[in-house]
Amino acid sequence: MIATTKDYFKLHFIVLLFGFTAILGKLVSIPAVEMVFYRTLMAAAGMTVLLLIVKGSFKVSQSNFIKIFLTGSIVAIHWITFFVSGRISNPSTSLVGFATCSFWAALIEPIAKRKKIQALEVGLGIVVLVGLILIFSFNFDYAFGLFLGIISGLTAAIFSVINSKIAARVSAYTITLYEMLGACATVILFFPIYKMYIAEDHQLHLIPATMDWVYIGTMAIACSVYAYSVMINLSKKLSVFFIQLALNLEPVYGILIALFVFGQQEVMGWNFYVGTLIILSAVAIFPLIKSRQGFQS
């Protein structure tokens, strides 16, 4: 199957949607934990409908179901830390932290698959750390927000590596459905602890405003169900390398959208943008070098 110009536009539109989630999360009025509950619930419902439409299979072995369902807990941690990061700092900070995902994956995947960690990955890891140190310096006001963004990137790398191993046995749609259910169940189990120790007024805010339903529904249907299904279809025409390279633009798109939507609130010092450029350069260079090494081997 030959990719068309339309397919390339679709890919970048999907990446744009992924970057847009940080802005939508900032616009929702209810707290991040309650928002993640509704997003995972609506995404699971949407994926169920999609599976029925495409006549996909809901069947999965008991062992795989347990693995997928528990992986959903990691997805829940990923989304909670990502959106809390954006709330206590700003979307740009959360996106920069999330940009470390590729670096974490480069370290975690060899360990999970019992392969030797390459010097290239260590070297790029040092470059990423330099970028983070530069951002943290010069009176950076969002240190904890960036820390949560980094945790978001780490957990995203963990569940991505797990999914890459399970995907050989289970449909991507089925994995997404049960992970969303697992994530939703995790948030529900977390509610009592959250209410008692973390929530500012020790209350759950489970009644979204009218526009909250629009924002959360967009994240669940457009940024999760639609984006994921289109990405799977594009993988039949575009190389995995090219898709990964395009995904590295997510923080760039997100930061540009945030600057447009929130204006002056998103403007920060030169150290933030130089540090961000260093991190994104390292993230983008990694798949490029790995691809060239693959061609030479």
C-alpha atoms as a PDB file:
ATOM      1  CA  MET A   1       0.000   0.000   0.000  1.00  0.00           C
ATOM      2  CA  ILE A   2       1.445   3.351  -1.115  1.00  0.00           C
ATOM      3  CA  ALA A   3       1.116   6.392   1.142  1.00  0.00           C
ATOM      4  CA  THR A   4      -0.513   9.488  -0.323  1.00  0.00           C
ATOM      5  CA  THR A   5      -0.145  13.168   0.528  1.00  0.00           C
ATOM      6  CA  LYS A   6      -3.458  12.865   2.364  1.00  0.00           C
ATOM      7  CA  ASP A   7      -1.951  10.176   4.606  1.00  0.00           C
ATOM      8  CA  TYR A   8       0.908  12.486   5.622  1.00  0.00           C
ATOM      9  CA  PHE A   9      -1.556  15.240   6.470  1.00  0.00           C
ATOM     10  CA  LYS A  10      -3.569  12.724   8.510  1.00  0.00           C
ATOM     11  CA  LEU A  11      -0.459  11.749  10.467  1.00  0.00           C
ATOM     12  CA  HIS A  12       0.386  15.320  11.393  1.00  0.00           C
ATOM     13  CA  PHE A  13      -3.243  15.997  12.263  1.00  0.00           C
ATOM     14  CA  ILE A  14      -3.130  13.067  14.708  1.00  0.00           C
ATOM     15  CA  VAL A  15       0.094  14.389  16.250  1.00  0.00           C
ATOM     16  CA  LEU A  16      -1.592  17.787  16.519  1.00  0.00           C
ATOM     17  CA  LEU A  17      -4.502  16.167  18.380  1.00  0.00           C
ATOM     18  CA  PHE A  18      -2.116  14.501  20.827  1.00  0.00           C
ATOM     19  CA  GLY A  19      -0.432  17.847  21.505  1.00  0.00           C
ATOM     20  CA  PHE A  20      -3.855  19.470  21.946  1.00  0.00           C
ATOM     21  CA  THR A  21      -4.727  17.286  24.961  1.00  0.00           C
ATOM     22  CA  ALA A  22      -2.538  19.419  27.253  1.00  0.00           C
ATOM     23  CA  ILE A  23      -4.525  22.518  26.316  1.00  0.00           C
ATOM     24  CA  LEU A  24      -7.887  20.764  26.732  1.00  0.00           C
ATOM     25  CA  GLY A  25      -6.792  19.478  30.142  1.00  0.00           C
ATOM     26  CA  LYS A  26      -5.989  23.031  31.230  1.00  0.00           C
ATOM     27  CA  LEU A  27      -9.425  24.267  30.112  1.00  0.00           C
ATOM     28  CA  VAL A  28     -11.442  21.672  32.065  1.00  0.00           C
ATOM     29  CA  SER A  29     -12.770  23.131  35.330  1.00  0.00           C
ATOM     30  CA  ILE A  30     -12.957  19.963  37.436  1.00  0.00           C
ATOM     31  CA  PRO A  31      -9.712  18.637  39.025  1.00  0.00           C
ATOM     32  CA  ALA A  32      -7.340  16.478  36.963  1.00  0.00           C
ATOM     33  CA  VAL A  33      -8.087  13.191  38.778  1.00  0.00           C
ATOM     34  CA  GLU A  34     -11.844  13.465  38.215  1.00  0.00           C
ATOM     35  CA  MET A  35     -11.168  14.508  34.610  1.00  0.00           C
ATOM     36  CA  VAL A  36      -9.051  11.386  33.984  1.00  0.00           C
ATOM     37  CA  PHE A  37     -11.880   9.259  35.412  1.00  0.00           C
ATOM     38  CA  TYR A  38     -14.349  10.618  32.861  1.00  0.00           C
ATOM     39  CA  ARG A  39     -11.828  10.492  30.006  1.00  0.00           C
ATOM     40  CA  THR A  40     -10.975   6.824  30.580  1.00  0.00           C
ATOM     41  CA  LEU A  41     -14.648   5.908  31.030  1.00  0.00           C
ATOM     42  CA  MET A  42     -15.688   7.674  27.823  1.00  0.00           C
ATOM     43  CA  ALA A  43     -12.682   6.307  25.906  1.00  0.00           C
ATOM     44  CA  ALA A  44     -13.582   2.763  26.969  1.00  0.00           C
ATOM     45  CA  ALA A  45     -17.182   3.302  25.851  1.00  0.00           C
ATOM     46  CA  GLY A  46     -16.014   4.775  22.545  1.00  0.00           C
ATOM     47  CA  MET A  47     -13.589   1.916  21.929  1.00  0.00           C
ATOM     48  CA  THR A  48     -16.365  -0.597  22.652  1.00  0.00           C
ATOM     49  CA  VAL A  49     -18.536   1.026  19.975  1.00  0.00           C
ATOM     50  CA  LEU A  50     -15.595   1.043  17.550  1.00  0.00           C
ATOM     51  CA  LEU A  51     -14.934  -2.663  18.126  1.00  0.00           C
ATOM     52  CA  LEU A  52     -18.595  -3.408  17.439  1.00  0.00           C
ATOM     53  CA  ILE A  53     -18.485  -1.357  14.224  1.00  0.00           C
ATOM     54  CA  VAL A  54     -15.341  -3.029  12.870  1.00  0.00           C
ATOM     55  CA  LYS A  55     -16.496  -6.402  14.246  1.00  0.00           C
ATOM     56  CA  GLY A  56     -13.346  -6.764  16.309  1.00  0.00           C
ATOM     57  CA  SER A  57     -12.777  -9.378  18.971  1.00  0.00           C
ATOM     58  CA  PHE A  58     -13.338  -8.798  22.669  1.00  0.00           C
ATOM     59  CA  LYS A  59     -11.804 -12.174  23.514  1.00  0.00           C
ATOM     60  CA  VAL A  60      -8.459 -12.372  25.285  1.00  0.00           C
ATOM     61  CA  SER A  61      -6.809 -14.998  27.459  1.00  0.00           C
ATOM     62  CA  GLN A  62      -7.035 -14.596  31.235  1.00  0.00           C
ATOM     63  CA  SER A  63      -3.279 -13.999  31.618  1.00  0.00           C
ATOM     64  CA  ASN A  64      -3.239 -11.352  28.874  1.00  0.00           C
ATOM     65  CA  PHE A  65      -6.342  -9.687  30.309  1.00  0.00           C
ATOM     66  CA  ILE A  66      -4.684  -9.352  33.722  1.00  0.00           C
ATOM     67  CA  LYS A  67      -1.522  -7.882  32.165  1.00  0.00           C
ATOM     68  CA  ILE A  68      -3.481  -5.421  30.026  1.00  0.00           C
ATOM     69  CA  PHE A  69      -5.836  -4.423  32.838  1.00  0.00           C
ATOM     70  CA  LEU A  70      -2.934  -3.777  35.228  1.00  0.00           C
ATOM     71  CA  THR A  71      -1.109  -1.824  32.528  1.00  0.00           C
ATOM     72  CA  GLY A  72      -4.144   0.429  32.587  1.00  0.00           C
ATOM     73  CA  SER A  73      -3.048   1.471  36.085  1.00  0.00           C
ATOM     74  CA  ILE A  74       0.191   2.816  34.605  1.00  0.00           C
ATOM     75  CA  VAL A  75      -1.846   4.654  31.960  1.00  0.00           C
ATOM     76  CA  ALA A  76      -3.894   6.257  34.759  1.00  0.00           C
ATOM     77  CA  ILE A  77      -0.725   7.435  36.531  1.00  0.00           C
ATOM     78  CA  HIS A  78       0.565   8.783  33.208  1.00  0.00           C
ATOM     79  CA  TRP A  79      -2.528  10.872  32.516  1.00  0.00           C
ATOM     80  CA  ILE A  80      -2.932  12.101  36.097  1.00  0.00           C
ATOM     81  CA  THR A  81       0.679  13.293  36.337  1.00  0.00           C
ATOM     82  CA  PHE A  82       0.513  14.814  32.850  1.00  0.00           C
ATOM     83  CA  PHE A  83      -2.632  16.850  33.520  1.00  0.00           C
ATOM     84  CA  VAL A  84      -1.713  17.798  37.084  1.00  0.00           C
ATOM     85  CA  SER A  85       1.612  19.033  35.692  1.00  0.00           C
ATOM     86  CA  GLY A  86      -0.243  21.271  33.257  1.00  0.00           C
ATOM     87  CA  ARG A  87      -2.570  22.534  35.996  1.00  0.00           C
ATOM     88  CA  ILE A  88       0.071  23.529  38.561  1.00  0.00           C
ATOM     89  CA  SER A  89       2.453  24.932  35.924  1.00  0.00           C
ATOM     90  CA  ASN A  90       1.314  25.304  32.314  1.00  0.00           C
ATOM     91  CA  PRO A  91       0.815  23.063  29.241  1.00  0.00           C
ATOM     92  CA  SER A  92       4.261  23.891  27.828  1.00  0.00           C
ATOM     93  CA  THR A  93       5.983  22.580  30.975  1.00  0.00           C
ATOM     94  CA  SER A  94       3.987  19.337  30.995  1.00  0.00           C
ATOM     95  CA  LEU A  95       4.748  18.776  27.296  1.00  0.00           C
ATOM     96  CA  VAL A  96       8.491  19.279  27.803  1.00  0.00           C
ATOM     97  CA  GLY A  97       8.478  16.733  30.634  1.00  0.00           C
ATOM     98  CA  PHE A  98       6.511  14.317  28.470  1.00  0.00           C
ATOM     99  CA  ALA A  99       9.084  14.767  25.683  1.00  0.00           C
ATOM    100  CA  THR A 100      11.498  12.616  27.723  1.00  0.00           C
ATOM    101  CA  CYS A 101       9.286   9.585  26.888  1.00  0.00           C
ATOM    102  CA  SER A 102      11.487   8.452  23.975  1.00  0.00           C
ATOM    103  CA  PHE A 103      14.589   8.662  26.157  1.00  0.00           C
ATOM    104  CA  TRP A 104      13.001   6.527  28.891  1.00  0.00           C
ATOM    105  CA  ALA A 105      11.819   4.009  26.291  1.00  0.00           C
ATOM    106  CA  ALA A 106      15.358   3.760  24.908  1.00  0.00           C
ATOM    107  CA  LEU A 107      16.571   2.718  28.367  1.00  0.00           C
ATOM    108  CA  ILE A 108      13.617   0.563  29.457  1.00  0.00           C
ATOM    109  CA  GLU A 109      13.111  -1.458  26.266  1.00  0.00           C
ATOM    110  CA  PRO A 110      16.598  -3.076  26.266  1.00  0.00           C
ATOM    111  CA  ILE A 111      16.128  -4.029  29.920  1.00  0.00           C
ATOM    112  CA  ALA A 112      12.672  -5.491  29.258  1.00  0.00           C
ATOM    113  CA  LYS A 113      13.949  -7.433  26.238  1.00  0.00           C
ATOM    114  CA  ARG A 114      17.258  -8.340  27.916  1.00  0.00           C
ATOM    115  CA  LYS A 115      19.432  -6.473  25.456  1.00  0.00           C
ATOM    116  CA  LYS A 116      22.549  -4.407  26.063  1.00  0.00           C
ATOM    117  CA  ILE A 117      22.019  -0.673  26.551  1.00  0.00           C
ATOM    118  CA  GLN A 118      23.802   1.175  23.754  1.00  0.00           C
ATOM    119  CA  ALA A 119      26.257   4.041  24.239  1.00  0.00           C
ATOM    120  CA  LEU A 120      24.083   6.145  21.919  1.00  0.00           C
ATOM    121  CA  GLU A 121      21.179   5.960  24.363  1.00  0.00           C
ATOM    122  CA  VAL A 122      23.383   6.889  27.318  1.00  0.00           C
ATOM    123  CA  GLY A 123      24.867   9.809  25.386  1.00  0.00           C
ATOM    124  CA  LEU A 124      21.484  11.173  24.364  1.00  0.00           C
ATOM    125  CA  GLY A 125      20.315  10.677  27.947  1.00  0.00           C
ATOM    126  CA  ILE A 126      23.071  12.991  29.128  1.00  0.00           C
ATOM    127  CA  VAL A 127      21.997  15.553  26.511  1.00  0.00           C
ATOM    128  CA  VAL A 128      18.405  15.359  27.814  1.00  0.00           C
ATOM    129  CA  LEU A 129      19.642  15.878  31.381  1.00  0.00           C
ATOM    130  CA  VAL A 130      21.604  18.959  30.260  1.00  0.00           C
ATOM    131  CA  GLY A 131      18.411  20.374  28.786  1.00  0.00           C
ATOM    132  CA  LEU A 132      16.475  19.695  31.989  1.00  0.00           C
ATOM    133  CA  ILE A 133      19.200  21.247  34.161  1.00  0.00           C
ATOM    134  CA  LEU A 134      19.148  24.353  31.970  1.00  0.00           C
ATOM    135  CA  ILE A 135      15.361  24.623  32.348  1.00  0.00           C
ATOM    136  CA  PHE A 136      15.507  24.162  36.131  1.00  0.00           C
ATOM    137  CA  SER A 137      18.143  26.876  36.439  1.00  0.00           C
ATOM    138  CA  PHE A 138      17.690  30.656  36.383  1.00  0.00           C
ATOM    139  CA  ASN A 139      14.705  30.823  38.748  1.00  0.00           C
ATOM    140  CA  PHE A 140      12.454  28.367  36.931  1.00  0.00           C
ATOM    141  CA  ASP A 141       9.084  28.592  38.746  1.00  0.00           C
ATOM    142  CA  TYR A 142       7.564  25.276  37.671  1.00  0.00           C
ATOM    143  CA  ALA A 143      10.050  22.703  38.996  1.00  0.00           C
ATOM    144  CA  PHE A 144       7.413  20.375  40.500  1.00  0.00           C
ATOM    145  CA  GLY A 145       5.243  20.690  37.400  1.00  0.00           C
ATOM    146  CA  LEU A 146       8.183  19.672  35.206  1.00  0.00           C
ATOM    147  CA  PHE A 147       8.971  16.788  37.581  1.00  0.00           C
ATOM    148  CA  LEU A 148       5.397  15.469  37.196  1.00  0.00           C
ATOM    149  CA  GLY A 149       5.714  15.890  33.419  1.00  0.00           C
ATOM    150  CA  ILE A 150       8.855  13.749  33.482  1.00  0.00           C
ATOM    151  CA  ILE A 151       7.000  11.089  35.520  1.00  0.00           C
ATOM    152  CA  SER A 152       4.315  11.252  32.840  1.00  0.00           C
ATOM    153  CA  GLY A 153       6.961  10.593  30.178  1.00  0.00           C
ATOM    154  CA  LEU A 154       8.436   7.725  32.199  1.00  0.00           C
ATOM    155  CA  THR A 155       5.095   5.976  32.706  1.00  0.00           C
ATOM    156  CA  ALA A 156       4.214   6.473  29.028  1.00  0.00           C
ATOM    157  CA  ALA A 157       7.457   4.714  28.098  1.00  0.00           C
ATOM    158  CA  ILE A 158       6.710   1.851  30.495  1.00  0.00           C
ATOM    159  CA  PHE A 159       3.231   1.094  29.156  1.00  0.00           C
ATOM    160  CA  SER A 160       4.423   1.565  25.555  1.00  0.00           C
ATOM    161  CA  VAL A 161       7.109  -1.101  26.036  1.00  0.00           C
ATOM    162  CA  ILE A 162       4.583  -3.428  27.691  1.00  0.00           C
ATOM    163  CA  ASN A 163       2.110  -2.864  24.853  1.00  0.00           C
ATOM    164  CA  SER A 164       4.758  -3.596  22.225  1.00  0.00           C
ATOM    165  CA  LYS A 165       5.174  -7.063  23.719  1.00  0.00           C
ATOM    166  CA  ILE A 166       1.439  -7.760  24.120  1.00  0.00           C
ATOM    167  CA  ALA A 167       0.509  -6.405  20.652  1.00  0.00           C
ATOM    168  CA  ALA A 168       2.001  -9.509  19.028  1.00  0.00           C
ATOM    169  CA  ARG A 169      -0.766 -11.562  20.644  1.00  0.00           C
ATOM    170  CA  VAL A 170      -3.720  -9.175  21.077  1.00  0.00           C
ATOM    171  CA  SER A 171      -5.424  -6.640  18.790  1.00  0.00           C
ATOM    172  CA  ALA A 172      -4.465  -3.009  19.423  1.00  0.00           C
ATOM    173  CA  TYR A 173      -8.148  -2.089  19.735  1.00  0.00           C
ATOM    174  CA  THR A 174      -8.698  -4.765  22.377  1.00  0.00           C
ATOM    175  CA  ILE A 175      -5.598  -3.661  24.289  1.00  0.00           C
ATOM    176  CA  THR A 176      -6.835  -0.063  24.311  1.00  0.00           C
ATOM    177  CA  LEU A 177     -10.315  -1.055  25.527  1.00  0.00           C
ATOM    178  CA  TYR A 178      -9.120  -3.082  28.513  1.00  0.00           C
ATOM    179  CA  GLU A 179      -6.382  -0.588  29.381  1.00  0.00           C
ATOM    180  CA  MET A 180      -8.951   2.195  29.503  1.00  0.00           C
ATOM    181  CA  LEU A 181     -11.116   0.052  31.773  1.00  0.00           C
ATOM    182  CA  GLY A 182      -8.084  -0.702  33.950  1.00  0.00           C
ATOM    183  CA  ALA A 183      -7.193   2.991  34.108  1.00  0.00           C
ATOM    184  CA  CYS A 184     -10.761   3.916  35.028  1.00  0.00           C
ATOM    185  CA  ALA A 185     -10.851   1.261  37.778  1.00  0.00           C
ATOM    186  CA  THR A 186      -7.523   2.522  39.127  1.00  0.00           C
ATOM    187  CA  VAL A 187      -8.843   6.070  39.420  1.00  0.00           C
ATOM    188  CA  ILE A 188     -11.961   4.798  41.223  1.00  0.00           C
ATOM    189  CA  LEU A 189      -9.805   2.851  43.717  1.00  0.00           C
ATOM    190  CA  PHE A 190      -7.631   5.953  44.168  1.00  0.00           C
ATOM    191  CA  PHE A 191     -10.615   8.201  44.938  1.00  0.00           C
ATOM    192  CA  PRO A 192     -10.761   7.487  48.734  1.00  0.00           C
ATOM    193  CA  ILE A 193      -7.028   8.245  49.211  1.00  0.00           C
ATOM    194  CA  TYR A 194      -7.272  11.261  46.926  1.00  0.00           C
ATOM    195  CA  LYS A 195     -10.312  12.599  48.789  1.00  0.00           C
ATOM    196  CA  MET A 196      -8.777  12.135  52.238  1.00  0.00           C
ATOM    197  CA  TYR A 197      -5.194  13.320  51.678  1.00  0.00           C
ATOM    198  CA  ILE A 198      -4.843  15.202  48.386  1.00  0.00           C
ATOM    199  CA  ALA A 199      -8.027  17.025  47.347  1.00  0.00           C
ATOM    200  CA  GLU A 200      -7.931  20.628  48.538  1.00  0.00           C
ATOM    201  CA  ASP A 201     -11.392  20.593  50.146  1.00  0.00           C
ATOM    202  CA  HIS A 202     -11.406  16.800  50.742  1.00  0.00           C
ATOM    203  CA  GLN A 203     -14.279  16.423  48.301  1.00  0.00           C
ATOM    204  CA  LEU A 204     -14.702  14.815  44.886  1.00  0.00           C
ATOM    205  CA  HIS A 205     -15.893  17.119  42.118  1.00  0.00           C
ATOM    206  CA  LEU A 206     -17.751  14.742  39.819  1.00  0.00           C
ATOM    207  CA  ILE A 207     -20.177  17.187  38.237  1.00  0.00           C
ATOM    208  CA  PRO A 208     -18.447  18.721  35.200  1.00  0.00           C
ATOM    209  CA  ALA A 209     -19.563  22.035  33.742  1.00  0.00           C
ATOM    210  CA  THR A 210     -21.264  22.006  30.356  1.00  0.00           C
ATOM    211  CA  MET A 211     -18.078  22.885  28.457  1.00  0.00           C
ATOM    212  CA  ASP A 212     -16.136  20.287  30.474  1.00  0.00           C
ATOM    213  CA  TRP A 213     -18.149  17.569  28.734  1.00  0.00           C
ATOM    214  CA  VAL A 214     -17.069  19.027  25.384  1.00  0.00           C
ATOM    215  CA  TYR A 215     -13.395  19.166  26.357  1.00  0.00           C
ATOM    216  CA  ILE A 216     -13.305  15.719  27.992  1.00  0.00           C
ATOM    217  CA  GLY A 217     -15.378  14.173  25.207  1.00  0.00           C
ATOM    218  CA  THR A 218     -12.963  15.597  22.647  1.00  0.00           C
ATOM    219  CA  MET A 219     -10.018  14.082  24.514  1.00  0.00           C
ATOM    220  CA  ALA A 220     -11.744  10.709  24.834  1.00  0.00           C
ATOM    221  CA  ILE A 221     -13.188  10.364  21.329  1.00  0.00           C
ATOM    222  CA  ALA A 222     -10.980  12.521  19.084  1.00  0.00           C
ATOM    223  CA  CYS A 223      -7.635  12.293  20.917  1.00  0.00           C
ATOM    224  CA  SER A 224      -7.980   8.663  22.062  1.00  0.00           C
ATOM    225  CA  VAL A 225     -10.404   6.507  20.047  1.00  0.00           C
ATOM    226  CA  TYR A 226     -10.218   8.324  16.674  1.00  0.00           C
ATOM    227  CA  ALA A 227      -6.518   9.217  16.823  1.00  0.00           C
ATOM    228  CA  TYR A 228      -5.489   5.721  17.885  1.00  0.00           C
ATOM    229  CA  SER A 229      -7.555   3.947  15.214  1.00  0.00           C
ATOM    230  CA  VAL A 230      -6.263   6.235  12.438  1.00  0.00           C
ATOM    231  CA  MET A 231      -2.680   5.755  13.640  1.00  0.00           C
ATOM    232  CA  ILE A 232      -3.088   1.986  13.347  1.00  0.00           C
ATOM    233  CA  ASN A 233      -4.381   2.318   9.788  1.00  0.00           C
ATOM    234  CA  LEU A 234      -1.526   4.668   8.839  1.00  0.00           C
ATOM    235  CA  SER A 235       1.005   2.123  10.124  1.00  0.00           C
ATOM    236  CA  LYS A 236      -0.014  -0.062   7.168  1.00  0.00           C
ATOM    237  CA  LYS A 237       1.314   2.581   4.753  1.00  0.00           C
ATOM    238  CA  LEU A 238       3.989   4.520   6.645  1.00  0.00           C
ATOM    239  CA  SER A 239       7.096   3.101   8.301  1.00  0.00           C
ATOM    240  CA  VAL A 240       7.252   2.859  12.084  1.00  0.00           C
ATOM    241  CA  PHE A 241      10.348   5.077  11.966  1.00  0.00           C
ATOM    242  CA  PHE A 242       8.530   7.856  10.124  1.00  0.00           C
ATOM    243  CA  ILE A 243       5.567   7.725  12.513  1.00  0.00           C
ATOM    244  CA  GLN A 244       7.873   7.903  15.555  1.00  0.00           C
ATOM    245  CA  LEU A 245       9.735  10.829  14.001  1.00  0.00           C
ATOM    246  CA  ALA A 246       6.458  12.667  13.470  1.00  0.00           C
ATOM    247  CA  LEU A 247       5.326  11.945  17.039  1.00  0.00           C
ATOM    248  CA  ASN A 248       8.397  13.804  18.293  1.00  0.00           C
ATOM    249  CA  LEU A 249       6.665  16.957  17.038  1.00  0.00           C
ATOM    250  CA  GLU A 250       3.877  16.585  19.620  1.00  0.00           C
ATOM    251  CA  PRO A 251       5.521  18.876  22.224  1.00  0.00           C
ATOM    252  CA  VAL A 252       6.314  21.431  19.505  1.00  0.00           C
ATOM    253  CA  TYR A 253       2.708  21.529  18.293  1.00  0.00           C
ATOM    254  CA  GLY A 254       1.415  21.589  21.876  1.00  0.00           C
ATOM    255  CA  ILE A 255       3.634  24.481  22.946  1.00  0.00           C
ATOM    256  CA  LEU A 256       2.708  26.517  19.842  1.00  0.00           C
ATOM    257  CA  ILE A 257      -1.012  25.919  20.466  1.00  0.00           C
ATOM    258  CA  ALA A 258      -0.584  26.833  24.143  1.00  0.00           C
ATOM    259  CA  LEU A 259       1.104  30.102  23.185  1.00  0.00           C
ATOM    260  CA  PHE A 260      -1.809  30.889  20.868  1.00  0.00           C
ATOM    261  CA  VAL A 261      -4.552  29.931  23.369  1.00  0.00           C
ATOM    262  CA  PHE A 262      -3.094  31.198  26.655  1.00  0.00           C
ATOM    263  CA  GLY A 263      -0.831  33.968  25.370  1.00  0.00           C
ATOM    264  CA  GLN A 264       1.342  35.710  27.956  1.00  0.00           C
ATOM    265  CA  GLN A 265       0.760  32.945  30.519  1.00  0.00           C
ATOM    266  CA  GLU A 266       2.852  30.599  28.380  1.00  0.00           C
ATOM    267  CA  VAL A 267       5.765  32.976  27.783  1.00  0.00           C
ATOM    268  CA  MET A 268       8.839  31.990  29.834  1.00  0.00           C
ATOM    269  CA  GLY A 269      12.552  32.761  30.020  1.00  0.00           C
ATOM    270  CA  TRP A 270      15.147  31.995  27.361  1.00  0.00           C
ATOM    271  CA  ASN A 271      16.517  29.075  29.413  1.00  0.00           C
ATOM    272  CA  PHE A 272      13.187  27.251  29.050  1.00  0.00           C
ATOM    273  CA  TYR A 273      13.200  27.467  25.257  1.00  0.00           C
ATOM    274  CA  VAL A 274      16.909  26.645  24.881  1.00  0.00           C
ATOM    275  CA  GLY A 275      16.519  23.682  27.236  1.00  0.00           C
ATOM    276  CA  THR A 276      13.396  22.576  25.365  1.00  0.00           C
ATOM    277  CA  LEU A 277      15.257  22.783  22.037  1.00  0.00           C
ATOM    278  CA  ILE A 278      18.070  20.611  23.456  1.00  0.00           C
ATOM    279  CA  ILE A 279      15.595  17.966  24.707  1.00  0.00           C
ATOM    280  CA  LEU A 280      13.558  17.883  21.489  1.00  0.00           C
ATOM    281  CA  SER A 281      16.743  17.704  19.392  1.00  0.00           C
ATOM    282  CA  ALA A 282      17.938  14.676  21.349  1.00  0.00           C
ATOM    283  CA  VAL A 283      14.534  13.024  21.052  1.00  0.00           C
ATOM    284  CA  ALA A 284      14.388  13.648  17.281  1.00  0.00           C
ATOM    285  CA  ILE A 285      17.984  12.603  16.592  1.00  0.00           C
ATOM    286  CA  PHE A 286      17.609   9.232  18.333  1.00  0.00           C
ATOM    287  CA  PRO A 287      15.253   7.513  15.841  1.00  0.00           C
ATOM    288  CA  LEU A 288      17.170   9.065  12.935  1.00  0.00           C
ATOM    289  CA  ILE A 289      20.514   7.579  14.070  1.00  0.00           C
ATOM    290  CA  LYS A 290      18.887   4.240  14.965  1.00  0.00           C
ATOM    291  CA  SER A 291      17.337   4.059  11.496  1.00  0.00           C
ATOM    292  CA  ARG A 292      20.675   4.768   9.776  1.00  0.00           C
ATOM    293  CA  GLN A 293      22.346   2.116  11.942  1.00  0.00           C
ATOM    294  CA  GLY A 294      19.631  -0.320  10.870  1.00  0.00           C
ATOM    295  CA  PHE A 295      20.275   0.385   7.199  1.00  0.00           C
ATOM    296  CA  GLN A 296      24.014  -0.174   7.685  1.00  0.00           C
ATOM    297  CA  SER A 297      23.677  -3.444   9.618  1.00  0.00           C
END
